[in-house]
Amino acid sequence: MDQLDVLLPYLLTANLIGFLFMGLDKRKAKNQQWRIPERTLWGIAILGGAVGSLLGMKVFRHKTKHRAFTVGMPLLIVLHIIALAYLLGVI
């Protein structure tokens, strides 16, 4: 089994979860319901869902005024790309 065979499904799932959680939290915010904690959103992003989380931010216009998210998510994506390149032996 190749590393990519394991990493690709994991990353797709993590990013889908990140995207969906951003949408869910936005809907909860609009309806003044219990919210998903920011540390949960960050946890999903750190564990590989940063791209999906960033896309969710853009699509749902959620957390776009929070500097930690607007700067942190792209930075986290860069770190993930570097780590992925290292794991795949590119660098």
PDB file of N, CA and C in Angstrom:
ATOM      1  N   MET A   1       0.847  -1.190   0.000  1.00  0.00           N
ATOM      2  CA  MET A   1       0.000   0.000   0.000  1.00  0.00           C
ATOM      3  C   MET A   1       0.887   1.245   0.000  1.00  0.00           C
ATOM      4  N   ASP A   2       0.650   2.104  -0.906  1.00  0.00           N
ATOM      5  CA  ASP A   2       1.417   3.336  -1.064  1.00  0.00           C
ATOM      6  C   ASP A   2       0.950   4.398  -0.068  1.00  0.00           C
ATOM      7  N   GLN A   3       1.843   5.302   0.308  1.00  0.00           N
ATOM      8  CA  GLN A   3       1.480   6.381   1.242  1.00  0.00           C
ATOM      9  C   GLN A   3       0.327   7.219   0.715  1.00  0.00           C
ATOM     10  N   LEU A   4       0.320   7.458  -0.566  1.00  0.00           N
ATOM     11  CA  LEU A   4      -0.733   8.278  -1.169  1.00  0.00           C
ATOM     12  C   LEU A   4      -2.096   7.597  -1.070  1.00  0.00           C
ATOM     13  N   ASP A   5      -2.111   6.257  -1.080  1.00  0.00           N
ATOM     14  CA  ASP A   5      -3.369   5.523  -0.946  1.00  0.00           C
ATOM     15  C   ASP A   5      -4.018   5.755   0.414  1.00  0.00           C
ATOM     16  N   VAL A   6      -3.221   6.051   1.405  1.00  0.00           N
ATOM     17  CA  VAL A   6      -3.735   6.323   2.753  1.00  0.00           C
ATOM     18  C   VAL A   6      -4.000   7.817   2.934  1.00  0.00           C
ATOM     19  N   LEU A   7      -3.068   8.638   2.470  1.00  0.00           N
ATOM     20  CA  LEU A   7      -3.173  10.085   2.680  1.00  0.00           C
ATOM     21  C   LEU A   7      -4.330  10.728   1.932  1.00  0.00           C
ATOM     22  N   LEU A   8      -4.543  10.328   0.699  1.00  0.00           N
ATOM     23  CA  LEU A   8      -5.572  10.972  -0.115  1.00  0.00           C
ATOM     24  C   LEU A   8      -6.979  10.827   0.472  1.00  0.00           C
ATOM     25  N   PRO A   9      -7.429   9.619   0.819  1.00  0.00           N
ATOM     26  CA  PRO A   9      -8.767   9.515   1.429  1.00  0.00           C
ATOM     27  C   PRO A   9      -8.857  10.262   2.764  1.00  0.00           C
ATOM     28  N   TYR A  10      -7.780  10.205   3.547  1.00  0.00           N
ATOM     29  CA  TYR A  10      -7.772  10.918   4.822  1.00  0.00           C
ATOM     30  C   TYR A  10      -7.936  12.420   4.607  1.00  0.00           C
ATOM     31  N   LEU A  11      -7.144  12.983   3.708  1.00  0.00           N
ATOM     32  CA  LEU A  11      -7.199  14.423   3.463  1.00  0.00           C
ATOM     33  C   LEU A  11      -8.531  14.848   2.856  1.00  0.00           C
ATOM     34  N   LEU A  12      -9.068  14.043   1.965  1.00  0.00           N
ATOM     35  CA  LEU A  12     -10.383  14.357   1.388  1.00  0.00           C
ATOM     36  C   LEU A  12     -11.456  14.379   2.468  1.00  0.00           C
ATOM     37  N   THR A  13     -11.413  13.407   3.361  1.00  0.00           N
ATOM     38  CA  THR A  13     -12.392  13.343   4.446  1.00  0.00           C
ATOM     39  C   THR A  13     -12.224  14.516   5.409  1.00  0.00           C
ATOM     40  N   ALA A  14     -10.984  14.806   5.797  1.00  0.00           N
ATOM     41  CA  ALA A  14     -10.724  15.913   6.729  1.00  0.00           C
ATOM     42  C   ALA A  14     -11.188  17.239   6.136  1.00  0.00           C
ATOM     43  N   ASN A  15     -10.940  17.439   4.851  1.00  0.00           N
ATOM     44  CA  ASN A  15     -11.333  18.694   4.214  1.00  0.00           C
ATOM     45  C   ASN A  15     -12.838  18.795   4.016  1.00  0.00           C
ATOM     46  N   LEU A  16     -13.483  17.690   3.741  1.00  0.00           N
ATOM     47  CA  LEU A  16     -14.942  17.689   3.649  1.00  0.00           C
ATOM     48  C   LEU A  16     -15.556  18.036   5.006  1.00  0.00           C
ATOM     49  N   ILE A  17     -15.018  17.459   6.066  1.00  0.00           N
ATOM     50  CA  ILE A  17     -15.504  17.757   7.411  1.00  0.00           C
ATOM     51  C   ILE A  17     -15.273  19.233   7.737  1.00  0.00           C
ATOM     52  N   GLY A  18     -14.087  19.765   7.411  1.00  0.00           N
ATOM     53  CA  GLY A  18     -13.796  21.172   7.654  1.00  0.00           C
ATOM     54  C   GLY A  18     -14.772  22.087   6.933  1.00  0.00           C
ATOM     55  N   PHE A  19     -15.060  21.759   5.681  1.00  0.00           N
ATOM     56  CA  PHE A  19     -16.004  22.551   4.884  1.00  0.00           C
ATOM     57  C   PHE A  19     -17.399  22.499   5.497  1.00  0.00           C
ATOM     58  N   LEU A  20     -17.859  21.293   5.815  1.00  0.00           N
ATOM     59  CA  LEU A  20     -19.204  21.127   6.365  1.00  0.00           C
ATOM     60  C   LEU A  20     -19.360  21.793   7.734  1.00  0.00           C
ATOM     61  N   PHE A  21     -18.326  21.710   8.559  1.00  0.00           N
ATOM     62  CA  PHE A  21     -18.409  22.324   9.884  1.00  0.00           C
ATOM     63  C   PHE A  21     -18.473  23.846   9.790  1.00  0.00           C
ATOM     64  N   MET A  22     -17.788  24.431   8.818  1.00  0.00           N
ATOM     65  CA  MET A  22     -17.888  25.887   8.632  1.00  0.00           C
ATOM     66  C   MET A  22     -19.311  26.264   8.243  1.00  0.00           C
ATOM     67  N   GLY A  23     -19.906  25.494   7.354  1.00  0.00           N
ATOM     68  CA  GLY A  23     -21.286  25.757   6.946  1.00  0.00           C
ATOM     69  C   GLY A  23     -22.261  25.556   8.093  1.00  0.00           C
ATOM     70  N   LEU A  24     -22.064  24.497   8.859  1.00  0.00           N
ATOM     71  CA  LEU A  24     -22.938  24.217   9.998  1.00  0.00           C
ATOM     72  C   LEU A  24     -22.835  25.308  11.051  1.00  0.00           C
ATOM     73  N   ASP A  25     -21.608  25.749  11.335  1.00  0.00           N
ATOM     74  CA  ASP A  25     -21.438  26.803  12.340  1.00  0.00           C
ATOM     75  C   ASP A  25     -22.046  28.120  11.870  1.00  0.00           C
ATOM     76  N   LYS A  26     -21.944  28.407  10.587  1.00  0.00           N
ATOM     77  CA  LYS A  26     -22.559  29.624  10.044  1.00  0.00           C
ATOM     78  C   LYS A  26     -24.075  29.566  10.194  1.00  0.00           C
ATOM     79  N   ARG A  27     -24.658  28.421   9.879  1.00  0.00           N
ATOM     80  CA  ARG A  27     -26.103  28.275  10.013  1.00  0.00           C
ATOM     81  C   ARG A  27     -26.536  28.423  11.474  1.00  0.00           C
ATOM     82  N   LYS A  28     -25.761  27.843  12.370  1.00  0.00           N
ATOM     83  CA  LYS A  28     -26.071  27.959  13.801  1.00  0.00           C
ATOM     84  C   LYS A  28     -25.942  29.416  14.259  1.00  0.00           C
ATOM     85  N   ALA A  29     -24.976  30.140  13.725  1.00  0.00           N
ATOM     86  CA  ALA A  29     -24.800  31.544  14.084  1.00  0.00           C
ATOM     87  C   ALA A  29     -26.004  32.369  13.632  1.00  0.00           C
ATOM     88  N   LYS A  30     -26.456  32.105  12.425  1.00  0.00           N
ATOM     89  CA  LYS A  30     -27.620  32.839  11.901  1.00  0.00           C
ATOM     90  C   LYS A  30     -28.875  32.560  12.712  1.00  0.00           C
ATOM     91  N   ASN A  31     -29.019  31.321  13.193  1.00  0.00           N
ATOM     92  CA  ASN A  31     -30.213  30.931  13.939  1.00  0.00           C
ATOM     93  C   ASN A  31     -30.059  31.115  15.448  1.00  0.00           C
ATOM     94  N   GLN A  32     -28.969  31.745  15.860  1.00  0.00           N
ATOM     95  CA  GLN A  32     -28.679  32.007  17.273  1.00  0.00           C
ATOM     96  C   GLN A  32     -28.779  30.742  18.115  1.00  0.00           C
ATOM     97  N   GLN A  33     -28.148  29.675  17.614  1.00  0.00           N
ATOM     98  CA  GLN A  33     -28.110  28.396  18.308  1.00  0.00           C
ATOM     99  C   GLN A  33     -26.720  28.167  18.891  1.00  0.00           C
ATOM    100  N   TRP A  34     -26.600  27.058  19.627  1.00  0.00           N
ATOM    101  CA  TRP A  34     -25.309  26.642  20.159  1.00  0.00           C
ATOM    102  C   TRP A  34     -24.315  26.539  19.015  1.00  0.00           C
ATOM    103  N   ARG A  35     -23.097  27.058  19.236  1.00  0.00           N
ATOM    104  CA  ARG A  35     -22.085  27.141  18.186  1.00  0.00           C
ATOM    105  C   ARG A  35     -21.011  26.085  18.344  1.00  0.00           C
ATOM    106  N   ILE A  36     -20.346  25.798  17.265  1.00  0.00           N
ATOM    107  CA  ILE A  36     -19.190  24.912  17.284  1.00  0.00           C
ATOM    108  C   ILE A  36     -18.011  25.730  17.810  1.00  0.00           C
ATOM    109  N   PRO A  37     -17.333  25.253  18.851  1.00  0.00           N
ATOM    110  CA  PRO A  37     -16.202  26.018  19.402  1.00  0.00           C
ATOM    111  C   PRO A  37     -15.104  26.248  18.351  1.00  0.00           C
ATOM    112  N   GLU A  38     -14.472  27.414  18.424  1.00  0.00           N
ATOM    113  CA  GLU A  38     -13.401  27.724  17.479  1.00  0.00           C
ATOM    114  C   GLU A  38     -12.269  26.712  17.580  1.00  0.00           C
ATOM    115  N   ARG A  39     -12.014  26.208  18.761  1.00  0.00           N
ATOM    116  CA  ARG A  39     -10.926  25.232  18.889  1.00  0.00           C
ATOM    117  C   ARG A  39     -11.254  23.939  18.130  1.00  0.00           C
ATOM    118  N   THR A  40     -12.525  23.613  18.002  1.00  0.00           N
ATOM    119  CA  THR A  40     -12.915  22.453  17.201  1.00  0.00           C
ATOM    120  C   THR A  40     -12.661  22.727  15.724  1.00  0.00           C
ATOM    121  N   LEU A  41     -13.032  23.929  15.266  1.00  0.00           N
ATOM    122  CA  LEU A  41     -12.782  24.305  13.873  1.00  0.00           C
ATOM    123  C   LEU A  41     -11.282  24.282  13.573  1.00  0.00           C
ATOM    124  N   TRP A  42     -10.496  24.804  14.506  1.00  0.00           N
ATOM    125  CA  TRP A  42      -9.043  24.797  14.338  1.00  0.00           C
ATOM    126  C   TRP A  42      -8.488  23.377  14.387  1.00  0.00           C
ATOM    127  N   GLY A  43      -9.035  22.558  15.274  1.00  0.00           N
ATOM    128  CA  GLY A  43      -8.571  21.174  15.375  1.00  0.00           C
ATOM    129  C   GLY A  43      -8.758  20.416  14.077  1.00  0.00           C
ATOM    130  N   ILE A  44      -9.903  20.594  13.464  1.00  0.00           N
ATOM    131  CA  ILE A  44     -10.169  19.950  12.176  1.00  0.00           C
ATOM    132  C   ILE A  44      -9.174  20.442  11.129  1.00  0.00           C
ATOM    133  N   ALA A  45      -8.943  21.747  11.124  1.00  0.00           N
ATOM    134  CA  ALA A  45      -8.007  22.330  10.149  1.00  0.00           C
ATOM    135  C   ALA A  45      -6.589  21.821  10.378  1.00  0.00           C
ATOM    136  N   ILE A  46      -6.157  21.772  11.625  1.00  0.00           N
ATOM    137  CA  ILE A  46      -4.799  21.325  11.937  1.00  0.00           C
ATOM    138  C   ILE A  46      -4.606  19.862  11.560  1.00  0.00           C
ATOM    139  N   LEU A  47      -5.643  19.068  11.726  1.00  0.00           N
ATOM    140  CA  LEU A  47      -5.543  17.636  11.416  1.00  0.00           C
ATOM    141  C   LEU A  47      -5.676  17.336   9.927  1.00  0.00           C
ATOM    142  N   GLY A  48      -5.631  18.359   9.080  1.00  0.00           N
ATOM    143  CA  GLY A  48      -5.615  18.139   7.636  1.00  0.00           C
ATOM    144  C   GLY A  48      -6.755  18.773   6.875  1.00  0.00           C
ATOM    145  N   GLY A  49      -7.676  19.437   7.555  1.00  0.00           N
ATOM    146  CA  GLY A  49      -8.839  20.005   6.891  1.00  0.00           C
ATOM    147  C   GLY A  49      -8.762  21.493   6.620  1.00  0.00           C
ATOM    148  N   ALA A  50      -7.565  22.037   6.519  1.00  0.00           N
ATOM    149  CA  ALA A  50      -7.416  23.484   6.343  1.00  0.00           C
ATOM    150  C   ALA A  50      -7.956  23.981   5.007  1.00  0.00           C
ATOM    151  N   VAL A  51      -7.749  23.229   3.948  1.00  0.00           N
ATOM    152  CA  VAL A  51      -8.231  23.655   2.630  1.00  0.00           C
ATOM    153  C   VAL A  51      -9.765  23.694   2.630  1.00  0.00           C
ATOM    154  N   GLY A  52     -10.383  22.648   3.141  1.00  0.00           N
ATOM    155  CA  GLY A  52     -11.846  22.609   3.222  1.00  0.00           C
ATOM    156  C   GLY A  52     -12.391  23.694   4.125  1.00  0.00           C
ATOM    157  N   SER A  53     -11.692  23.950   5.227  1.00  0.00           N
ATOM    158  CA  SER A  53     -12.122  25.011   6.139  1.00  0.00           C
ATOM    159  C   SER A  53     -12.040  26.373   5.469  1.00  0.00           C
ATOM    160  N   LEU A  54     -10.953  26.604   4.731  1.00  0.00           N
ATOM    161  CA  LEU A  54     -10.803  27.882   4.030  1.00  0.00           C
ATOM    162  C   LEU A  54     -11.873  28.034   2.947  1.00  0.00           C
ATOM    163  N   LEU A  55     -12.132  26.977   2.221  1.00  0.00           N
ATOM    164  CA  LEU A  55     -13.201  27.030   1.211  1.00  0.00           C
ATOM    165  C   LEU A  55     -14.555  27.290   1.875  1.00  0.00           C
ATOM    166  N   GLY A  56     -14.786  26.655   3.018  1.00  0.00           N
ATOM    167  CA  GLY A  56     -16.018  26.890   3.770  1.00  0.00           C
ATOM    168  C   GLY A  56     -16.131  28.333   4.232  1.00  0.00           C
ATOM    169  N   MET A  57     -15.004  28.901   4.648  1.00  0.00           N
ATOM    170  CA  MET A  57     -15.006  30.307   5.048  1.00  0.00           C
ATOM    171  C   MET A  57     -15.452  31.187   3.884  1.00  0.00           C
ATOM    172  N   LYS A  58     -14.926  30.904   2.702  1.00  0.00           N
ATOM    173  CA  LYS A  58     -15.241  31.719   1.529  1.00  0.00           C
ATOM    174  C   LYS A  58     -16.683  31.501   1.062  1.00  0.00           C
ATOM    175  N   VAL A  59     -17.093  30.247   0.943  1.00  0.00           N
ATOM    176  CA  VAL A  59     -18.421  29.924   0.426  1.00  0.00           C
ATOM    177  C   VAL A  59     -19.520  30.425   1.354  1.00  0.00           C
ATOM    178  N   PHE A  60     -19.338  30.183   2.664  1.00  0.00           N
ATOM    179  CA  PHE A  60     -20.380  30.535   3.628  1.00  0.00           C
ATOM    180  C   PHE A  60     -20.181  31.922   4.242  1.00  0.00           C
ATOM    181  N   ARG A  61     -19.113  32.610   3.832  1.00  0.00           N
ATOM    182  CA  ARG A  61     -18.767  33.925   4.393  1.00  0.00           C
ATOM    183  C   ARG A  61     -18.772  33.861   5.919  1.00  0.00           C
ATOM    184  N   HIS A  62     -17.989  32.922   6.422  1.00  0.00           N
ATOM    185  CA  HIS A  62     -17.948  32.669   7.856  1.00  0.00           C
ATOM    186  C   HIS A  62     -16.527  32.825   8.379  1.00  0.00           C
ATOM    187  N   LYS A  63     -16.379  33.525   9.474  1.00  0.00           N
ATOM    188  CA  LYS A  63     -15.092  33.784  10.131  1.00  0.00           C
ATOM    189  C   LYS A  63     -14.172  34.634   9.265  1.00  0.00           C
ATOM    190  N   THR A  64     -14.728  35.343   8.308  1.00  0.00           N
ATOM    191  CA  THR A  64     -13.899  36.136   7.395  1.00  0.00           C
ATOM    192  C   THR A  64     -13.430  37.454   8.005  1.00  0.00           C
ATOM    193  N   LYS A  65     -13.982  37.824   9.142  1.00  0.00           N
ATOM    194  CA  LYS A  65     -13.533  39.045   9.819  1.00  0.00           C
ATOM    195  C   LYS A  65     -12.591  38.732  10.974  1.00  0.00           C
ATOM    196  N   HIS A  66     -12.337  37.456  11.184  1.00  0.00           N
ATOM    197  CA  HIS A  66     -11.437  37.027  12.255  1.00  0.00           C
ATOM    198  C   HIS A  66     -10.037  36.869  11.682  1.00  0.00           C
ATOM    199  N   ARG A  67      -9.157  37.763  12.068  1.00  0.00           N
ATOM    200  CA  ARG A  67      -7.802  37.769  11.524  1.00  0.00           C
ATOM    201  C   ARG A  67      -7.086  36.432  11.740  1.00  0.00           C
ATOM    202  N   ALA A  68      -7.344  35.811  12.882  1.00  0.00           N
ATOM    203  CA  ALA A  68      -6.702  34.522  13.151  1.00  0.00           C
ATOM    204  C   ALA A  68      -7.065  33.494  12.082  1.00  0.00           C
ATOM    205  N   PHE A  69      -8.289  33.547  11.592  1.00  0.00           N
ATOM    206  CA  PHE A  69      -8.728  32.602  10.564  1.00  0.00           C
ATOM    207  C   PHE A  69      -8.261  33.030   9.176  1.00  0.00           C
ATOM    208  N   THR A  70      -8.373  34.314   8.855  1.00  0.00           N
ATOM    209  CA  THR A  70      -8.025  34.766   7.505  1.00  0.00           C
ATOM    210  C   THR A  70      -6.520  34.670   7.230  1.00  0.00           C
ATOM    211  N   VAL A  71      -5.714  34.764   8.275  1.00  0.00           N
ATOM    212  CA  VAL A  71      -4.270  34.628   8.116  1.00  0.00           C
ATOM    213  C   VAL A  71      -3.832  33.199   8.446  1.00  0.00           C
ATOM    214  N   GLY A  72      -4.422  32.648   9.484  1.00  0.00           N
ATOM    215  CA  GLY A  72      -4.007  31.337   9.973  1.00  0.00           C
ATOM    216  C   GLY A  72      -4.298  30.189   9.028  1.00  0.00           C
ATOM    217  N   MET A  73      -5.460  30.184   8.405  1.00  0.00           N
ATOM    218  CA  MET A  73      -5.804  29.077   7.506  1.00  0.00           C
ATOM    219  C   MET A  73      -4.858  28.992   6.305  1.00  0.00           C
ATOM    220  N   PRO A  74      -4.610  30.098   5.593  1.00  0.00           N
ATOM    221  CA  PRO A  74      -3.650  30.000   4.484  1.00  0.00           C
ATOM    222  C   PRO A  74      -2.252  29.578   4.953  1.00  0.00           C
ATOM    223  N   LEU A  75      -1.831  30.071   6.107  1.00  0.00           N
ATOM    224  CA  LEU A  75      -0.526  29.681   6.644  1.00  0.00           C
ATOM    225  C   LEU A  75      -0.501  28.188   6.965  1.00  0.00           C
ATOM    226  N   LEU A  76      -1.575  27.705   7.529  1.00  0.00           N
ATOM    227  CA  LEU A  76      -1.679  26.283   7.842  1.00  0.00           C
ATOM    228  C   LEU A  76      -1.653  25.432   6.569  1.00  0.00           C
ATOM    229  N   ILE A  77      -2.269  25.917   5.514  1.00  0.00           N
ATOM    230  CA  ILE A  77      -2.243  25.202   4.235  1.00  0.00           C
ATOM    231  C   ILE A  77      -0.813  25.100   3.714  1.00  0.00           C
ATOM    232  N   VAL A  78      -0.058  26.172   3.810  1.00  0.00           N
ATOM    233  CA  VAL A  78       1.345  26.152   3.374  1.00  0.00           C
ATOM    234  C   VAL A  78       2.130  25.123   4.194  1.00  0.00           C
ATOM    235  N   LEU A  79       1.916  25.109   5.502  1.00  0.00           N
ATOM    236  CA  LEU A  79       2.603  24.132   6.353  1.00  0.00           C
ATOM    237  C   LEU A  79       2.205  22.698   5.991  1.00  0.00           C
ATOM    238  N   HIS A  80       0.932  22.503   5.666  1.00  0.00           N
ATOM    239  CA  HIS A  80       0.476  21.171   5.262  1.00  0.00           C
ATOM    240  C   HIS A  80       1.110  20.746   3.936  1.00  0.00           C
ATOM    241  N   ILE A  81       1.236  21.670   3.008  1.00  0.00           N
ATOM    242  CA  ILE A  81       1.865  21.353   1.720  1.00  0.00           C
ATOM    243  C   ILE A  81       3.321  20.954   1.924  1.00  0.00           C
ATOM    244  N   ILE A  82       4.023  21.676   2.790  1.00  0.00           N
ATOM    245  CA  ILE A  82       5.423  21.345   3.081  1.00  0.00           C
ATOM    246  C   ILE A  82       5.524  19.964   3.733  1.00  0.00           C
ATOM    247  N   ALA A  83       4.649  19.696   4.701  1.00  0.00           N
ATOM    248  CA  ALA A  83       4.664  18.398   5.384  1.00  0.00           C
ATOM    249  C   ALA A  83       4.319  17.271   4.407  1.00  0.00           C
ATOM    250  N   LEU A  84       3.351  17.499   3.553  1.00  0.00           N
ATOM    251  CA  LEU A  84       2.957  16.489   2.565  1.00  0.00           C
ATOM    252  C   LEU A  84       4.100  16.213   1.590  1.00  0.00           C
ATOM    253  N   ALA A  85       4.754  17.276   1.136  1.00  0.00           N
ATOM    254  CA  ALA A  85       5.894  17.112   0.218  1.00  0.00           C
ATOM    255  C   ALA A  85       7.011  16.324   0.893  1.00  0.00           C
ATOM    256  N   TYR A  86       7.227  16.591   2.165  1.00  0.00           N
ATOM    257  CA  TYR A  86       8.254  15.858   2.916  1.00  0.00           C
ATOM    258  C   TYR A  86       7.875  14.379   3.045  1.00  0.00           C
ATOM    259  N   LEU A  87       6.625  14.108   3.393  1.00  0.00           N
ATOM    260  CA  LEU A  87       6.173  12.724   3.549  1.00  0.00           C
ATOM    261  C   LEU A  87       6.244  11.936   2.238  1.00  0.00           C
ATOM    262  N   LEU A  88       5.995  12.616   1.147  1.00  0.00           N
ATOM    263  CA  LEU A  88       6.034  11.947  -0.167  1.00  0.00           C
ATOM    264  C   LEU A  88       7.433  11.909  -0.765  1.00  0.00           C
ATOM    265  N   GLY A  89       8.404  12.497  -0.050  1.00  0.00           N
ATOM    266  CA  GLY A  89       9.784  12.450  -0.514  1.00  0.00           C
ATOM    267  C   GLY A  89      10.128  13.451  -1.585  1.00  0.00           C
ATOM    268  N   VAL A  90       9.297  14.455  -1.766  1.00  0.00           N
ATOM    269  CA  VAL A  90       9.553  15.482  -2.775  1.00  0.00           C
ATOM    270  C   VAL A  90      10.661  16.429  -2.294  1.00  0.00           C
ATOM    271  N   ILE A  91      10.658  16.702  -1.005  1.00  0.00           N
ATOM    272  CA  ILE A  91      11.716  17.567  -0.442  1.00  0.00           C
ATOM    273  C   ILE A  91      12.451  16.836   0.657  1.00  0.00           C
TER     274      ILE A  91
END
